[in-house]
N, C-alpha and C. Protein backbone atom coordinates (compact mmCIF):
# COMPACT_ATOMS: atom_id res chain seq x y z
N MET A 1 0.86 -1.18 0.00
CA MET A 1 0.00 0.00 0.00
C MET A 1 0.90 1.23 0.00
N HIS A 2 0.51 2.23 -0.70
CA HIS A 2 1.33 3.43 -0.79
C HIS A 2 1.41 4.14 0.56
N ARG A 3 2.56 4.73 0.82
CA ARG A 3 2.79 5.41 2.08
C ARG A 3 1.76 6.49 2.39
N CYS A 4 1.39 7.25 1.38
CA CYS A 4 0.42 8.34 1.55
C CYS A 4 -0.90 7.80 2.08
N LEU A 5 -1.40 6.76 1.44
CA LEU A 5 -2.66 6.17 1.87
C LEU A 5 -2.50 5.51 3.22
N LEU A 6 -1.36 4.89 3.46
CA LEU A 6 -1.11 4.25 4.73
C LEU A 6 -1.16 5.27 5.87
N LEU A 7 -0.53 6.41 5.67
CA LEU A 7 -0.56 7.46 6.69
C LEU A 7 -1.98 7.95 6.95
N LEU A 8 -2.74 8.09 5.89
CA LEU A 8 -4.13 8.53 6.03
C LEU A 8 -4.93 7.50 6.82
N PHE A 9 -4.77 6.23 6.48
CA PHE A 9 -5.51 5.19 7.17
C PHE A 9 -5.09 5.04 8.63
N VAL A 10 -3.79 5.14 8.89
CA VAL A 10 -3.31 5.05 10.26
C VAL A 10 -3.87 6.20 11.08
N GLY A 11 -3.86 7.39 10.51
CA GLY A 11 -4.41 8.55 11.21
C GLY A 11 -5.88 8.37 11.52
N MET A 12 -6.62 7.84 10.57
CA MET A 12 -8.04 7.61 10.79
C MET A 12 -8.26 6.52 11.84
N ALA A 13 -7.45 5.49 11.81
CA ALA A 13 -7.60 4.40 12.76
C ALA A 13 -7.29 4.84 14.17
N CYS A 14 -6.37 5.78 14.30
CA CYS A 14 -6.00 6.27 15.63
C CYS A 14 -7.08 7.15 16.24
N THR A 15 -7.89 7.77 15.43
CA THR A 15 -8.86 8.72 15.97
C THR A 15 -10.30 8.28 15.86
N THR A 16 -10.60 7.25 15.07
CA THR A 16 -11.99 6.84 14.88
C THR A 16 -12.09 5.33 14.79
N SER A 17 -13.29 4.84 15.02
CA SER A 17 -13.52 3.41 14.80
C SER A 17 -13.74 3.18 13.31
N SER A 18 -13.71 1.93 12.89
CA SER A 18 -13.86 1.64 11.47
C SER A 18 -15.26 2.01 10.98
N VAL A 19 -16.26 1.89 11.82
CA VAL A 19 -17.62 2.24 11.41
C VAL A 19 -17.72 3.74 11.19
N VAL A 20 -17.16 4.51 12.10
CA VAL A 20 -17.21 5.97 11.97
C VAL A 20 -16.35 6.41 10.80
N ALA A 21 -15.20 5.79 10.59
CA ALA A 21 -14.31 6.17 9.50
C ALA A 21 -14.98 5.95 8.15
N SER A 22 -15.81 4.95 8.03
CA SER A 22 -16.47 4.69 6.75
C SER A 22 -17.48 5.78 6.42
N GLN A 23 -17.84 6.62 7.40
CA GLN A 23 -18.78 7.70 7.17
C GLN A 23 -18.09 9.05 7.25
N SER A 24 -16.81 9.09 6.87
CA SER A 24 -16.02 10.32 7.01
C SER A 24 -16.57 11.47 6.19
N TRP A 25 -17.26 11.19 5.10
CA TRP A 25 -17.81 12.27 4.27
C TRP A 25 -18.80 13.11 5.05
N LYS A 26 -19.43 12.54 6.07
CA LYS A 26 -20.38 13.31 6.87
C LYS A 26 -19.69 14.32 7.77
N ARG A 27 -18.39 14.16 7.98
CA ARG A 27 -17.64 15.05 8.86
C ARG A 27 -16.78 16.03 8.05
N ALA A 28 -17.11 16.26 6.83
CA ALA A 28 -16.32 17.15 5.99
C ALA A 28 -16.32 18.55 6.60
N LEU A 29 -15.17 19.19 6.51
CA LEU A 29 -15.06 20.58 6.96
C LEU A 29 -15.92 21.47 6.07
N PRO A 30 -16.39 22.58 6.62
CA PRO A 30 -17.04 23.56 5.74
C PRO A 30 -16.04 23.97 4.66
N LEU A 31 -16.53 24.28 3.48
CA LEU A 31 -15.67 24.57 2.34
C LEU A 31 -14.64 25.67 2.63
N PRO A 32 -15.01 26.78 3.30
CA PRO A 32 -13.98 27.80 3.58
C PRO A 32 -12.83 27.27 4.44
N GLU A 33 -13.13 26.39 5.40
CA GLU A 33 -12.08 25.81 6.24
C GLU A 33 -11.22 24.84 5.45
N ALA A 34 -11.84 24.03 4.61
CA ALA A 34 -11.09 23.09 3.78
C ALA A 34 -10.19 23.84 2.81
N THR A 35 -10.69 24.94 2.28
CA THR A 35 -9.89 25.77 1.38
C THR A 35 -8.70 26.35 2.11
N GLU A 36 -8.93 26.82 3.33
CA GLU A 36 -7.84 27.38 4.14
C GLU A 36 -6.78 26.32 4.44
N GLU A 37 -7.22 25.10 4.73
CA GLU A 37 -6.28 24.00 4.98
C GLU A 37 -5.46 23.70 3.73
N ALA A 38 -6.10 23.73 2.56
CA ALA A 38 -5.40 23.47 1.31
C ALA A 38 -4.37 24.56 1.04
N VAL A 39 -4.73 25.81 1.30
CA VAL A 39 -3.80 26.93 1.12
C VAL A 39 -2.61 26.78 2.06
N THR A 40 -2.87 26.45 3.31
CA THR A 40 -1.80 26.27 4.30
C THR A 40 -0.86 25.15 3.88
N ALA A 41 -1.42 24.02 3.44
CA ALA A 41 -0.59 22.88 3.02
C ALA A 41 0.21 23.22 1.77
N ALA A 42 -0.42 23.90 0.82
CA ALA A 42 0.28 24.27 -0.41
C ALA A 42 1.44 25.21 -0.12
N ASN A 43 1.22 26.17 0.76
CA ASN A 43 2.31 27.08 1.13
C ASN A 43 3.42 26.35 1.88
N ALA A 44 3.07 25.38 2.70
CA ALA A 44 4.09 24.60 3.41
C ALA A 44 4.96 23.85 2.42
N VAL A 45 4.35 23.29 1.37
CA VAL A 45 5.11 22.57 0.35
C VAL A 45 6.03 23.54 -0.39
N ILE A 46 5.49 24.68 -0.80
CA ILE A 46 6.29 25.65 -1.55
C ILE A 46 7.46 26.16 -0.72
N ASN A 47 7.22 26.37 0.58
CA ASN A 47 8.28 26.86 1.47
C ASN A 47 9.14 25.74 2.03
N GLN A 48 8.82 24.49 1.67
CA GLN A 48 9.53 23.31 2.17
C GLN A 48 9.65 23.34 3.68
N SER A 49 8.50 23.56 4.33
CA SER A 49 8.41 23.68 5.78
C SER A 49 8.23 22.31 6.44
N GLY A 50 9.18 21.42 6.27
CA GLY A 50 9.11 20.10 6.85
C GLY A 50 9.75 19.08 5.93
N SER A 51 9.75 17.85 6.41
CA SER A 51 10.32 16.78 5.59
C SER A 51 9.40 16.49 4.41
N GLU A 52 9.95 15.90 3.38
CA GLU A 52 9.16 15.58 2.19
C GLU A 52 7.97 14.70 2.55
N GLU A 53 8.19 13.72 3.40
CA GLU A 53 7.11 12.80 3.78
C GLU A 53 6.01 13.52 4.56
N CYS A 54 6.40 14.41 5.45
CA CYS A 54 5.44 15.19 6.22
C CYS A 54 4.63 16.10 5.31
N LEU A 55 5.31 16.76 4.39
CA LEU A 55 4.63 17.66 3.46
C LEU A 55 3.69 16.88 2.55
N ARG A 56 4.10 15.69 2.13
CA ARG A 56 3.25 14.84 1.29
C ARG A 56 1.97 14.50 2.04
N GLY A 57 2.10 14.12 3.30
CA GLY A 57 0.92 13.79 4.09
C GLY A 57 0.02 14.98 4.31
N LYS A 58 0.62 16.12 4.61
CA LYS A 58 -0.16 17.34 4.85
C LYS A 58 -0.93 17.74 3.60
N LEU A 59 -0.25 17.73 2.45
CA LEU A 59 -0.90 18.11 1.20
C LEU A 59 -1.97 17.08 0.82
N SER A 60 -1.66 15.81 0.97
CA SER A 60 -2.63 14.77 0.63
C SER A 60 -3.88 14.87 1.49
N ASN A 61 -3.70 15.06 2.78
CA ASN A 61 -4.85 15.19 3.67
C ASN A 61 -5.68 16.42 3.32
N ALA A 62 -5.02 17.52 3.01
CA ALA A 62 -5.74 18.75 2.65
C ALA A 62 -6.52 18.56 1.35
N ILE A 63 -5.93 17.84 0.40
CA ILE A 63 -6.61 17.59 -0.88
C ILE A 63 -7.83 16.71 -0.67
N VAL A 64 -7.70 15.67 0.14
CA VAL A 64 -8.85 14.80 0.44
C VAL A 64 -9.93 15.60 1.14
N GLN A 65 -9.54 16.42 2.09
CA GLN A 65 -10.51 17.23 2.83
C GLN A 65 -11.23 18.22 1.90
N LEU A 66 -10.47 18.85 1.00
CA LEU A 66 -11.08 19.77 0.04
C LEU A 66 -12.05 19.03 -0.88
N SER A 67 -11.64 17.87 -1.36
CA SER A 67 -12.50 17.07 -2.22
C SER A 67 -13.80 16.69 -1.49
N ASN A 68 -13.68 16.23 -0.25
CA ASN A 68 -14.86 15.87 0.54
C ASN A 68 -15.77 17.07 0.75
N SER A 69 -15.18 18.20 1.08
CA SER A 69 -15.97 19.41 1.34
C SER A 69 -16.70 19.87 0.09
N CYS A 70 -16.01 19.79 -1.05
CA CYS A 70 -16.66 20.14 -2.32
C CYS A 70 -17.84 19.22 -2.59
N ASP A 71 -17.64 17.92 -2.37
CA ASP A 71 -18.71 16.95 -2.61
C ASP A 71 -19.90 17.19 -1.70
N VAL A 72 -19.64 17.38 -0.42
CA VAL A 72 -20.72 17.54 0.56
C VAL A 72 -21.48 18.85 0.32
N SER A 73 -20.76 19.91 -0.02
CA SER A 73 -21.42 21.21 -0.23
C SER A 73 -22.05 21.33 -1.61
N GLY A 74 -21.69 20.42 -2.52
CA GLY A 74 -22.21 20.49 -3.88
C GLY A 74 -21.51 21.56 -4.71
N HIS A 75 -20.40 22.06 -4.21
CA HIS A 75 -19.66 23.12 -4.90
C HIS A 75 -18.87 22.50 -6.05
N SER A 76 -18.87 23.18 -7.17
CA SER A 76 -18.11 22.72 -8.33
C SER A 76 -17.21 23.84 -8.82
N SER A 77 -15.94 23.54 -8.93
CA SER A 77 -14.95 24.49 -9.43
C SER A 77 -13.77 23.70 -9.97
N THR A 78 -12.88 24.40 -10.62
CA THR A 78 -11.68 23.73 -11.13
C THR A 78 -10.85 23.20 -9.97
N ALA A 79 -10.77 23.95 -8.86
CA ALA A 79 -10.02 23.49 -7.69
C ALA A 79 -10.66 22.22 -7.12
N CYS A 80 -11.98 22.17 -7.08
CA CYS A 80 -12.67 20.97 -6.58
C CYS A 80 -12.42 19.78 -7.50
N GLU A 81 -12.45 20.03 -8.80
CA GLU A 81 -12.19 18.95 -9.76
C GLU A 81 -10.77 18.42 -9.61
N LEU A 82 -9.81 19.33 -9.45
CA LEU A 82 -8.42 18.91 -9.25
C LEU A 82 -8.27 18.10 -7.97
N ALA A 83 -8.89 18.59 -6.89
CA ALA A 83 -8.81 17.88 -5.61
C ALA A 83 -9.42 16.48 -5.72
N SER A 84 -10.56 16.38 -6.38
CA SER A 84 -11.21 15.08 -6.53
C SER A 84 -10.35 14.13 -7.37
N GLU A 85 -9.75 14.66 -8.42
CA GLU A 85 -8.89 13.84 -9.27
C GLU A 85 -7.68 13.33 -8.49
N LEU A 86 -7.04 14.23 -7.73
CA LEU A 86 -5.84 13.85 -6.97
C LEU A 86 -6.19 12.93 -5.81
N ALA A 87 -7.32 13.17 -5.16
CA ALA A 87 -7.72 12.34 -4.01
C ALA A 87 -8.01 10.91 -4.45
N GLY A 88 -8.40 10.73 -5.71
CA GLY A 88 -8.74 9.40 -6.19
C GLY A 88 -7.61 8.63 -6.83
N GLN A 89 -6.43 9.22 -6.92
CA GLN A 89 -5.34 8.50 -7.57
C GLN A 89 -4.57 7.63 -6.59
N ASP A 90 -4.01 6.55 -7.11
CA ASP A 90 -3.34 5.57 -6.27
C ASP A 90 -1.88 5.89 -5.99
N SER A 91 -1.23 6.60 -6.88
CA SER A 91 0.20 6.85 -6.70
C SER A 91 0.44 8.12 -5.90
N GLU A 92 1.56 8.13 -5.19
CA GLU A 92 1.89 9.33 -4.43
C GLU A 92 2.63 10.31 -5.33
N LEU A 93 2.50 11.58 -5.00
CA LEU A 93 3.13 12.62 -5.80
C LEU A 93 4.62 12.73 -5.48
N SER A 94 5.41 12.98 -6.50
CA SER A 94 6.83 13.27 -6.29
C SER A 94 6.94 14.69 -5.74
N LEU A 95 8.11 15.07 -5.29
CA LEU A 95 8.30 16.42 -4.77
C LEU A 95 7.99 17.46 -5.85
N GLY A 96 8.45 17.22 -7.07
CA GLY A 96 8.16 18.14 -8.17
C GLY A 96 6.66 18.25 -8.44
N GLU A 97 5.97 17.13 -8.39
CA GLU A 97 4.52 17.14 -8.59
C GLU A 97 3.81 17.85 -7.44
N MET A 98 4.33 17.68 -6.22
CA MET A 98 3.75 18.37 -5.07
C MET A 98 3.89 19.88 -5.22
N LEU A 99 5.07 20.33 -5.67
CA LEU A 99 5.29 21.77 -5.88
C LEU A 99 4.36 22.31 -6.96
N ALA A 100 4.28 21.60 -8.09
CA ALA A 100 3.41 22.05 -9.19
C ALA A 100 1.95 22.06 -8.75
N THR A 101 1.53 21.03 -8.04
CA THR A 101 0.15 20.95 -7.57
C THR A 101 -0.15 22.07 -6.59
N SER A 102 0.80 22.36 -5.71
CA SER A 102 0.60 23.43 -4.73
C SER A 102 0.43 24.78 -5.41
N LYS A 103 1.28 25.05 -6.39
CA LYS A 103 1.18 26.32 -7.13
C LYS A 103 -0.15 26.40 -7.87
N THR A 104 -0.55 25.30 -8.50
CA THR A 104 -1.83 25.27 -9.22
C THR A 104 -2.99 25.48 -8.27
N LEU A 105 -2.97 24.80 -7.13
CA LEU A 105 -4.04 24.96 -6.14
C LEU A 105 -4.16 26.42 -5.70
N LEU A 106 -3.03 27.03 -5.39
CA LEU A 106 -3.06 28.42 -4.95
C LEU A 106 -3.62 29.33 -6.05
N ASP A 107 -3.23 29.08 -7.28
CA ASP A 107 -3.77 29.86 -8.40
C ASP A 107 -5.28 29.68 -8.51
N LEU A 108 -5.73 28.43 -8.43
CA LEU A 108 -7.16 28.15 -8.57
C LEU A 108 -7.99 28.68 -7.39
N LEU A 109 -7.36 28.72 -6.23
CA LEU A 109 -8.08 29.21 -5.04
C LEU A 109 -7.93 30.72 -4.87
N GLY A 110 -7.19 31.34 -5.79
CA GLY A 110 -7.05 32.78 -5.75
C GLY A 110 -6.17 33.28 -4.63
N GLU A 111 -5.22 32.46 -4.21
CA GLU A 111 -4.34 32.83 -3.10
C GLU A 111 -2.91 32.96 -3.61
N PRO A 112 -2.22 34.02 -3.20
CA PRO A 112 -0.80 34.13 -3.56
C PRO A 112 0.02 33.20 -2.68
N ALA A 113 1.11 32.70 -3.21
CA ALA A 113 2.03 31.88 -2.41
C ALA A 113 2.71 32.79 -1.41
N THR A 114 2.89 32.29 -0.20
CA THR A 114 3.59 33.07 0.82
C THR A 114 4.92 32.42 1.10
N SER A 115 5.88 33.21 1.48
CA SER A 115 7.19 32.67 1.83
C SER A 115 7.61 33.25 3.15
N ARG A 116 8.40 32.47 3.83
CA ARG A 116 8.87 32.90 5.16
C ARG A 116 10.18 33.60 5.04
């Protein structure tokens, strides 16, 4: 199993039961909060604020959360489509792909990249 998915599943197992985890879509963040999480994760990747593995997990979780929030709210946008596409793929992103995805997400969400 890919590391990204493994981290997601381990995190879910640590905080919820399997029955509750299967209904995670019901606990989606409101879209503005999910968007803020995606912006924070994208900026962390761009600024390389952590290890590659940590940044991969942070970005992956933010993308899944954004995808869930878009689905639950019924919101449709290019950012939502990108999040849904990325959340459904089996392979993990390389560092270059994470950087490109982060820049694209920020552009689509109308947020400038921040640097420390």
